[in-house]
Amino acid sequence: MKKAILQTLVYADIFDYPLTAREIYKFLITPKPLRFSVLKKKLKEIARRDELIKSKGEYFFLKEREETVRLRQKRKFWSQRKIKIAKKVSRWLRLIPWIKMVGISGALAMENADKNDDIDLLVVTAKKRLWLTRVLTVFLTELLGRRRRPKDKQVTNKICLNMFLAENCLTVPKNEQDLFSAHEVVQFKLLWERDNCYQKFLRANLWVKNYLANSLDIKLDIKKLKDEDIKGEKKNNFLISQFLNFLELIAYKIQTAYMSSKRTREVVGPQRARFHPQDCRERILEKYQEKLRKIFIV
C-alpha cells in the first residue's frame, strides 16, 4: 500500500498537485480496490514516519514540495472562473439537439488550470452526427466570442473544442488505454448530459479499474437505456435521417479536406476527432517513470 500511495503522489506531483486523503483513495494506482478507512489509517502512519511523504493541513505531497499546496489554491481560484465560463457556453450548446454530453477535460477538470490557460471541452454527439454537430458548435462558440482559433496567441479563457466523440465510440482505443487515459476518464467533469450519456461513457471505459481500482461508481439501468434507445430510433423519420446522414458525410469530407494540409498529430475519423496537435501522453508517462526510478533508487 505504501508503494501505491507513493506512486499516486508521484503522478500527481508531475502536475504540481498535492492530494487529500480522499483524492489519494480515488486516484490510488492499484488494480485491487480497498476500503477508504484502511487507506486513511495507513496514510497517517506513513506521513508520520516516512521521509518521502509529507503533509500540511488536509494535503499530502512528496518531500520538499510543500509549495504545491499554495499553487493548488491559486489554480483553484483561477479554475473556478474558467468553469463558470464553460458552464455558460455549454448551456448554449444545448440548442444543438445532437449533442449528448458536454464536459471539461484536462487540468481544468481537476481545478488545476493556470491563469492564462484555455478551456478544454469534450463533446459527445449522436451517432452519425459528429461532423454536423462540430460545424454548429464552432459557429455557436464563435458567435459567443469564446472560441479558440488555431492561430490564436492569446488563449486565456477561450473555449478549445479539442475532442468530439460519437455516442457509439465512447471507449478509449486499446492502444491508448494506459494510466494517463485512465486519469483523463476519471477526472472528466460533466457539465450536462442527455440520455444517461455520462454513465454510458463510464461503463464503456471500465478498463480504467486496471489502473485506478477505487474509481468509477457505476449505477446504470441497462434495460432503461435500451428502452430509451429504441424509443429514440422510432422517433426518427427514415427519409429525414437518410438526408442528415448524407449531410454528415459531406460535412466530414469538407472539414477533413480543409484540415489535410494543416494536420500533425490530430486524430480524425467519422466517429472520433481529437484536435490537440501536441499529445502529452508520452511525455507525462515518461516523466512519471523517471520520477519513480529516482525515488525508488534513493
Protein backbone atom coordinates (compact mmCIF):
# COMPACT_ATOMS: atom_id res chain seq x y z
CA MET A 1 0.00 0.00 0.00
CA LYS A 2 2.88 2.36 0.74
CA LYS A 3 4.21 1.83 -2.78
CA ALA A 4 0.78 2.50 -4.30
CA ILE A 5 0.41 5.71 -2.26
CA LEU A 6 3.88 6.85 -3.30
CA GLN A 7 3.19 6.12 -6.97
CA THR A 8 -0.06 8.10 -6.74
CA LEU A 9 1.66 11.12 -5.19
CA VAL A 10 4.46 10.95 -7.78
CA TYR A 11 1.95 11.07 -10.64
CA ALA A 12 0.10 13.99 -9.07
CA ASP A 13 3.40 15.79 -8.44
CA ILE A 14 4.04 15.95 -12.20
CA PHE A 15 1.12 18.40 -12.26
CA ASP A 16 2.20 20.20 -9.04
CA TYR A 17 -0.93 18.84 -7.40
CA PRO A 18 -0.97 17.77 -3.73
CA LEU A 19 -3.76 15.36 -2.83
CA THR A 20 -6.23 14.98 0.02
CA ALA A 21 -6.73 11.56 1.60
CA ARG A 22 -10.00 11.13 -0.32
CA GLU A 23 -8.26 12.03 -3.61
CA ILE A 24 -5.43 9.60 -2.91
CA TYR A 25 -8.08 6.93 -2.40
CA LYS A 26 -9.88 7.79 -5.65
CA PHE A 27 -6.71 8.02 -7.76
CA LEU A 28 -4.74 5.27 -5.99
CA ILE A 29 -2.66 3.50 -8.61
CA THR A 30 -3.61 -0.11 -7.94
CA PRO A 31 -5.60 -2.85 -9.72
CA LYS A 32 -7.09 -4.02 -6.39
CA PRO A 33 -9.81 -1.96 -4.65
CA LEU A 34 -9.75 -1.35 -0.90
CA ARG A 35 -11.75 0.45 1.78
CA PHE A 36 -11.14 4.17 2.39
CA SER A 37 -10.85 3.64 6.16
CA VAL A 38 -7.95 1.22 5.63
CA LEU A 39 -6.09 3.61 3.35
CA LYS A 40 -6.68 6.61 5.62
CA LYS A 41 -5.22 4.80 8.63
CA LYS A 42 -2.17 3.65 6.67
CA LEU A 43 -1.69 7.11 5.16
CA LYS A 44 -1.45 8.75 8.58
CA GLU A 45 1.13 6.19 9.71
CA ILE A 46 3.25 6.71 6.59
CA ALA A 47 3.10 10.52 6.77
CA ARG A 48 4.36 10.40 10.39
CA ARG A 49 7.27 8.05 9.75
CA ASP A 50 8.25 8.25 6.09
CA GLU A 51 10.77 10.79 4.82
CA LEU A 52 9.39 10.81 1.28
CA ILE A 53 5.76 11.70 2.09
CA LYS A 54 4.80 14.88 3.92
CA SER A 55 1.53 16.58 4.79
CA LYS A 56 0.17 20.05 5.50
CA GLY A 57 -3.41 20.54 6.58
CA GLU A 58 -5.54 18.17 4.51
CA TYR A 59 -2.92 17.76 1.75
CA PHE A 60 -0.26 15.10 1.18
CA PHE A 61 2.74 15.57 -1.11
CA LEU A 62 6.33 14.48 -1.73
CA LYS A 63 9.12 15.82 0.47
CA GLU A 64 10.34 19.36 -0.33
CA ARG A 65 7.17 20.02 -2.36
CA GLU A 66 5.16 21.98 0.20
CA GLU A 67 4.94 24.94 -2.21
CA THR A 68 2.50 22.93 -4.35
CA VAL A 69 -0.19 23.43 -1.67
CA ARG A 70 -0.18 27.20 -2.24
CA LEU A 71 -0.02 26.73 -6.00
CA ARG A 72 -3.03 24.40 -5.93
CA GLN A 73 -5.04 27.04 -4.04
CA LYS A 74 -4.12 29.69 -6.63
CA ARG A 75 -5.04 27.43 -9.52
CA LYS A 76 -8.34 26.56 -7.85
CA PHE A 77 -9.22 30.27 -7.79
CA TRP A 78 -8.33 30.71 -11.49
CA SER A 79 -10.12 27.48 -12.41
CA GLN A 80 -13.41 28.44 -10.77
CA ARG A 81 -13.64 31.49 -13.05
CA LYS A 82 -12.99 29.31 -16.10
CA ILE A 83 -15.57 26.72 -15.03
CA LYS A 84 -18.23 29.45 -14.79
CA ILE A 85 -17.43 30.46 -18.38
CA ALA A 86 -17.56 26.81 -19.50
CA LYS A 87 -20.98 26.37 -17.90
CA LYS A 88 -22.36 29.47 -19.61
CA VAL A 89 -21.08 28.38 -23.03
CA SER A 90 -22.24 24.78 -22.54
CA ARG A 91 -25.79 25.96 -21.82
CA TRP A 92 -25.89 27.49 -25.30
CA LEU A 93 -24.74 24.17 -26.75
CA ARG A 94 -27.99 22.62 -25.51
CA LEU A 95 -29.57 24.26 -28.54
CA ILE A 96 -27.88 21.63 -30.71
CA PRO A 97 -30.15 18.56 -30.48
CA TRP A 98 -27.46 16.06 -31.49
CA ILE A 99 -25.20 16.83 -28.53
CA LYS A 100 -25.50 14.11 -25.89
CA MET A 101 -22.94 15.33 -23.37
CA VAL A 102 -20.58 18.25 -22.70
CA GLY A 103 -17.82 18.26 -20.11
CA ILE A 104 -14.45 19.67 -19.14
CA SER A 105 -11.26 17.69 -19.69
CA GLY A 106 -7.60 18.21 -18.82
CA ALA A 107 -6.20 20.23 -15.91
CA LEU A 108 -9.30 22.37 -15.54
CA ALA A 109 -11.37 19.28 -14.69
CA MET A 110 -9.18 18.99 -11.58
CA GLU A 111 -9.38 22.75 -10.91
CA ASN A 112 -5.67 22.88 -11.63
CA ALA A 113 -5.54 25.29 -14.58
CA ASP A 114 -3.06 28.15 -14.82
CA LYS A 115 -4.30 31.73 -15.10
CA ASN A 116 -3.66 32.00 -18.86
CA ASP A 117 -4.95 28.55 -19.85
CA ASP A 118 -7.81 27.94 -22.24
CA ILE A 119 -10.86 25.76 -21.50
CA ASP A 120 -10.84 22.24 -22.99
CA LEU A 121 -14.27 20.78 -23.74
CA LEU A 122 -15.19 17.24 -24.69
CA VAL A 123 -18.40 16.97 -26.73
CA VAL A 124 -20.28 13.68 -27.26
CA THR A 125 -22.69 13.62 -30.19
CA ALA A 126 -25.40 11.33 -31.52
CA LYS A 127 -24.05 8.63 -33.83
CA LYS A 128 -23.52 9.76 -37.43
CA ARG A 129 -23.87 13.40 -36.39
CA LEU A 130 -20.38 14.29 -35.17
CA TRP A 131 -19.28 16.49 -38.08
CA LEU A 132 -22.60 18.29 -38.47
CA THR A 133 -22.52 18.93 -34.72
CA ARG A 134 -18.97 20.25 -34.94
CA VAL A 135 -20.00 22.84 -37.55
CA LEU A 136 -22.80 24.12 -35.32
CA THR A 137 -20.63 24.02 -32.17
CA VAL A 138 -17.85 26.03 -33.82
CA PHE A 139 -20.41 28.51 -35.14
CA LEU A 140 -22.04 28.99 -31.72
CA THR A 141 -18.80 29.44 -29.78
CA GLU A 142 -17.58 31.86 -32.47
CA LEU A 143 -20.83 33.81 -32.15
CA LEU A 144 -20.31 33.98 -28.36
CA GLY A 145 -16.79 35.31 -28.90
CA ARG A 146 -15.29 32.45 -26.88
CA ARG A 147 -13.84 30.12 -29.49
CA ARG A 148 -10.11 29.47 -29.50
CA ARG A 149 -8.92 29.62 -33.09
CA PRO A 150 -5.89 27.56 -34.24
CA LYS A 151 -3.63 30.60 -34.67
CA ASP A 152 -4.65 32.49 -31.52
CA LYS A 153 -1.73 33.60 -29.35
CA GLN A 154 -3.89 34.91 -26.52
CA VAL A 155 -5.97 31.93 -25.38
CA THR A 156 -6.93 32.83 -21.81
CA ASN A 157 -10.47 31.60 -21.04
CA LYS A 158 -11.13 30.73 -24.69
CA ILE A 159 -13.10 27.55 -25.44
CA CYS A 160 -10.97 24.86 -27.05
CA LEU A 161 -13.21 22.30 -28.78
CA ASN A 162 -10.45 19.75 -28.63
CA MET A 163 -12.37 16.48 -28.63
CA PHE A 164 -15.56 15.11 -30.21
CA LEU A 165 -16.87 11.57 -29.76
CA ALA A 166 -19.94 9.89 -31.22
CA GLU A 167 -22.09 8.09 -28.64
CA ASN A 168 -21.25 4.74 -30.26
CA CYS A 169 -17.50 5.41 -29.92
CA LEU A 170 -17.05 6.15 -26.22
CA THR A 171 -14.38 3.57 -25.39
CA VAL A 172 -10.78 4.80 -25.34
CA PRO A 173 -8.90 2.89 -28.09
CA LYS A 174 -6.89 -0.14 -26.92
CA ASN A 175 -3.54 1.44 -27.82
CA GLU A 176 -4.35 4.44 -25.59
CA GLN A 177 -5.60 2.53 -22.56
CA ASP A 178 -2.93 3.50 -20.02
CA LEU A 179 -2.54 5.39 -16.75
CA PHE A 180 -2.74 8.78 -18.47
CA SER A 181 -6.04 8.00 -20.21
CA ALA A 182 -7.43 6.37 -17.05
CA HIS A 183 -6.89 9.67 -15.23
CA GLU A 184 -8.50 11.62 -18.07
CA VAL A 185 -11.63 9.44 -17.90
CA VAL A 186 -11.94 9.54 -14.10
CA GLN A 187 -11.28 13.27 -13.71
CA PHE A 188 -13.63 14.34 -16.53
CA LYS A 189 -16.04 16.99 -15.20
CA LEU A 190 -19.58 16.70 -16.53
CA LEU A 191 -21.42 19.94 -17.39
CA TRP A 192 -24.63 18.42 -18.74
CA GLU A 193 -25.89 15.29 -20.48
CA ARG A 194 -28.82 13.69 -22.26
CA ASP A 195 -29.98 10.05 -22.19
CA ASN A 196 -27.61 9.00 -19.36
CA CYS A 197 -24.65 9.56 -21.68
CA TYR A 198 -22.17 10.10 -18.84
CA GLN A 199 -22.93 6.72 -17.30
CA LYS A 200 -22.61 5.12 -20.74
CA PHE A 201 -19.21 6.81 -21.07
CA LEU A 202 -18.03 5.41 -17.74
CA ARG A 203 -19.37 1.93 -18.48
CA ALA A 204 -17.59 1.94 -21.85
CA ASN A 205 -14.31 2.57 -20.02
CA LEU A 206 -14.37 0.16 -17.10
CA TRP A 207 -10.83 -0.83 -18.11
CA VAL A 208 -9.63 2.16 -16.04
CA LYS A 209 -10.09 -0.01 -12.95
CA ASN A 210 -6.98 -1.92 -14.05
CA TYR A 211 -5.06 1.22 -13.10
CA LEU A 212 -7.35 3.07 -10.65
CA ALA A 213 -9.34 0.35 -8.91
CA ASN A 214 -11.13 2.67 -6.46
CA SER A 215 -12.53 4.92 -9.19
CA LEU A 216 -15.83 4.89 -11.09
CA ASP A 217 -19.06 4.31 -9.23
CA ILE A 218 -21.31 2.78 -11.90
CA LYS A 219 -25.04 2.51 -11.21
CA LEU A 220 -26.73 2.01 -14.55
CA ASP A 221 -30.10 0.57 -15.54
CA ILE A 222 -29.23 -1.25 -18.77
CA LYS A 223 -32.89 -2.13 -19.55
CA LYS A 224 -33.92 1.54 -19.21
CA LEU A 225 -31.16 2.62 -21.57
CA LYS A 226 -32.15 0.03 -24.19
CA ASP A 227 -35.78 1.19 -23.98
CA GLU A 228 -34.64 4.81 -24.45
CA ASP A 229 -32.55 3.86 -27.49
CA ILE A 230 -35.48 2.03 -29.11
CA LYS A 231 -37.81 4.97 -28.41
CA GLY A 232 -35.27 7.35 -29.93
CA GLU A 233 -34.97 5.24 -33.08
CA LYS A 234 -38.76 5.16 -33.55
CA LYS A 235 -38.93 8.95 -33.39
CA ASN A 236 -36.56 9.42 -36.30
CA ASN A 237 -38.23 9.76 -39.67
CA PHE A 238 -36.43 7.49 -42.14
CA LEU A 239 -36.19 9.99 -45.01
CA ILE A 240 -35.03 12.83 -42.75
CA SER A 241 -32.48 10.51 -41.15
CA GLN A 242 -31.09 9.47 -44.54
CA PHE A 243 -30.86 13.09 -45.65
CA LEU A 244 -28.98 14.01 -42.46
CA ASN A 245 -26.65 11.04 -42.98
CA PHE A 246 -25.86 12.43 -46.43
CA LEU A 247 -25.19 15.90 -44.97
CA GLU A 248 -22.99 14.32 -42.29
CA LEU A 249 -20.86 12.63 -44.96
CA ILE A 250 -20.49 15.91 -46.86
CA ALA A 251 -19.59 17.78 -43.65
CA TYR A 252 -16.97 15.13 -42.82
CA LYS A 253 -15.36 15.23 -46.27
CA ILE A 254 -15.27 19.04 -46.47
CA GLN A 255 -13.82 19.50 -42.98
CA THR A 256 -11.19 16.78 -43.29
CA ALA A 257 -10.17 18.08 -46.74
CA TYR A 258 -9.74 21.55 -45.25
CA MET A 259 -7.64 20.12 -42.38
CA SER A 260 -5.47 17.84 -44.52
CA SER A 261 -2.69 20.37 -45.19
CA LYS A 262 -2.62 21.50 -41.54
CA ARG A 263 -2.75 18.17 -39.71
CA THR A 264 0.10 16.99 -37.49
CA ARG A 265 -0.79 14.51 -34.71
CA GLU A 266 -4.54 15.16 -34.63
CA VAL A 267 -6.82 12.12 -34.59
CA VAL A 268 -9.63 12.47 -37.12
CA GLY A 269 -12.27 9.91 -38.10
CA PRO A 270 -16.02 9.62 -38.78
CA GLN A 271 -16.87 8.90 -35.12
CA ARG A 272 -13.92 10.41 -33.23
CA ALA A 273 -11.93 13.65 -33.50
CA ARG A 274 -9.16 14.96 -31.25
CA PHE A 275 -7.59 18.26 -32.21
CA HIS A 276 -4.69 18.64 -29.77
CA PRO A 277 -1.63 18.56 -32.06
CA GLN A 278 0.66 18.08 -29.05
CA ASP A 279 -0.32 14.80 -27.43
CA CYS A 280 1.30 14.97 -23.98
CA ARG A 281 0.59 11.31 -23.11
CA GLU A 282 4.09 10.03 -23.88
CA ARG A 283 5.80 12.98 -22.18
CA ILE A 284 3.76 12.60 -18.98
CA LEU A 285 4.22 8.83 -18.74
CA GLU A 286 7.97 9.10 -19.38
CA LYS A 287 8.26 11.77 -16.69
CA TYR A 288 6.31 9.56 -14.30
CA GLN A 289 8.61 6.59 -14.86
CA GLU A 290 11.68 8.80 -14.49
CA LYS A 291 10.49 10.22 -11.15
CA LEU A 292 9.65 6.73 -9.90
CA ARG A 293 13.13 5.45 -10.79
CA LYS A 294 14.77 8.31 -8.90
CA ILE A 295 12.63 7.80 -5.79
CA PHE A 296 12.97 4.03 -5.58
CA ILE A 297 16.73 4.15 -6.29
CA VAL A 298 17.13 6.68 -3.47
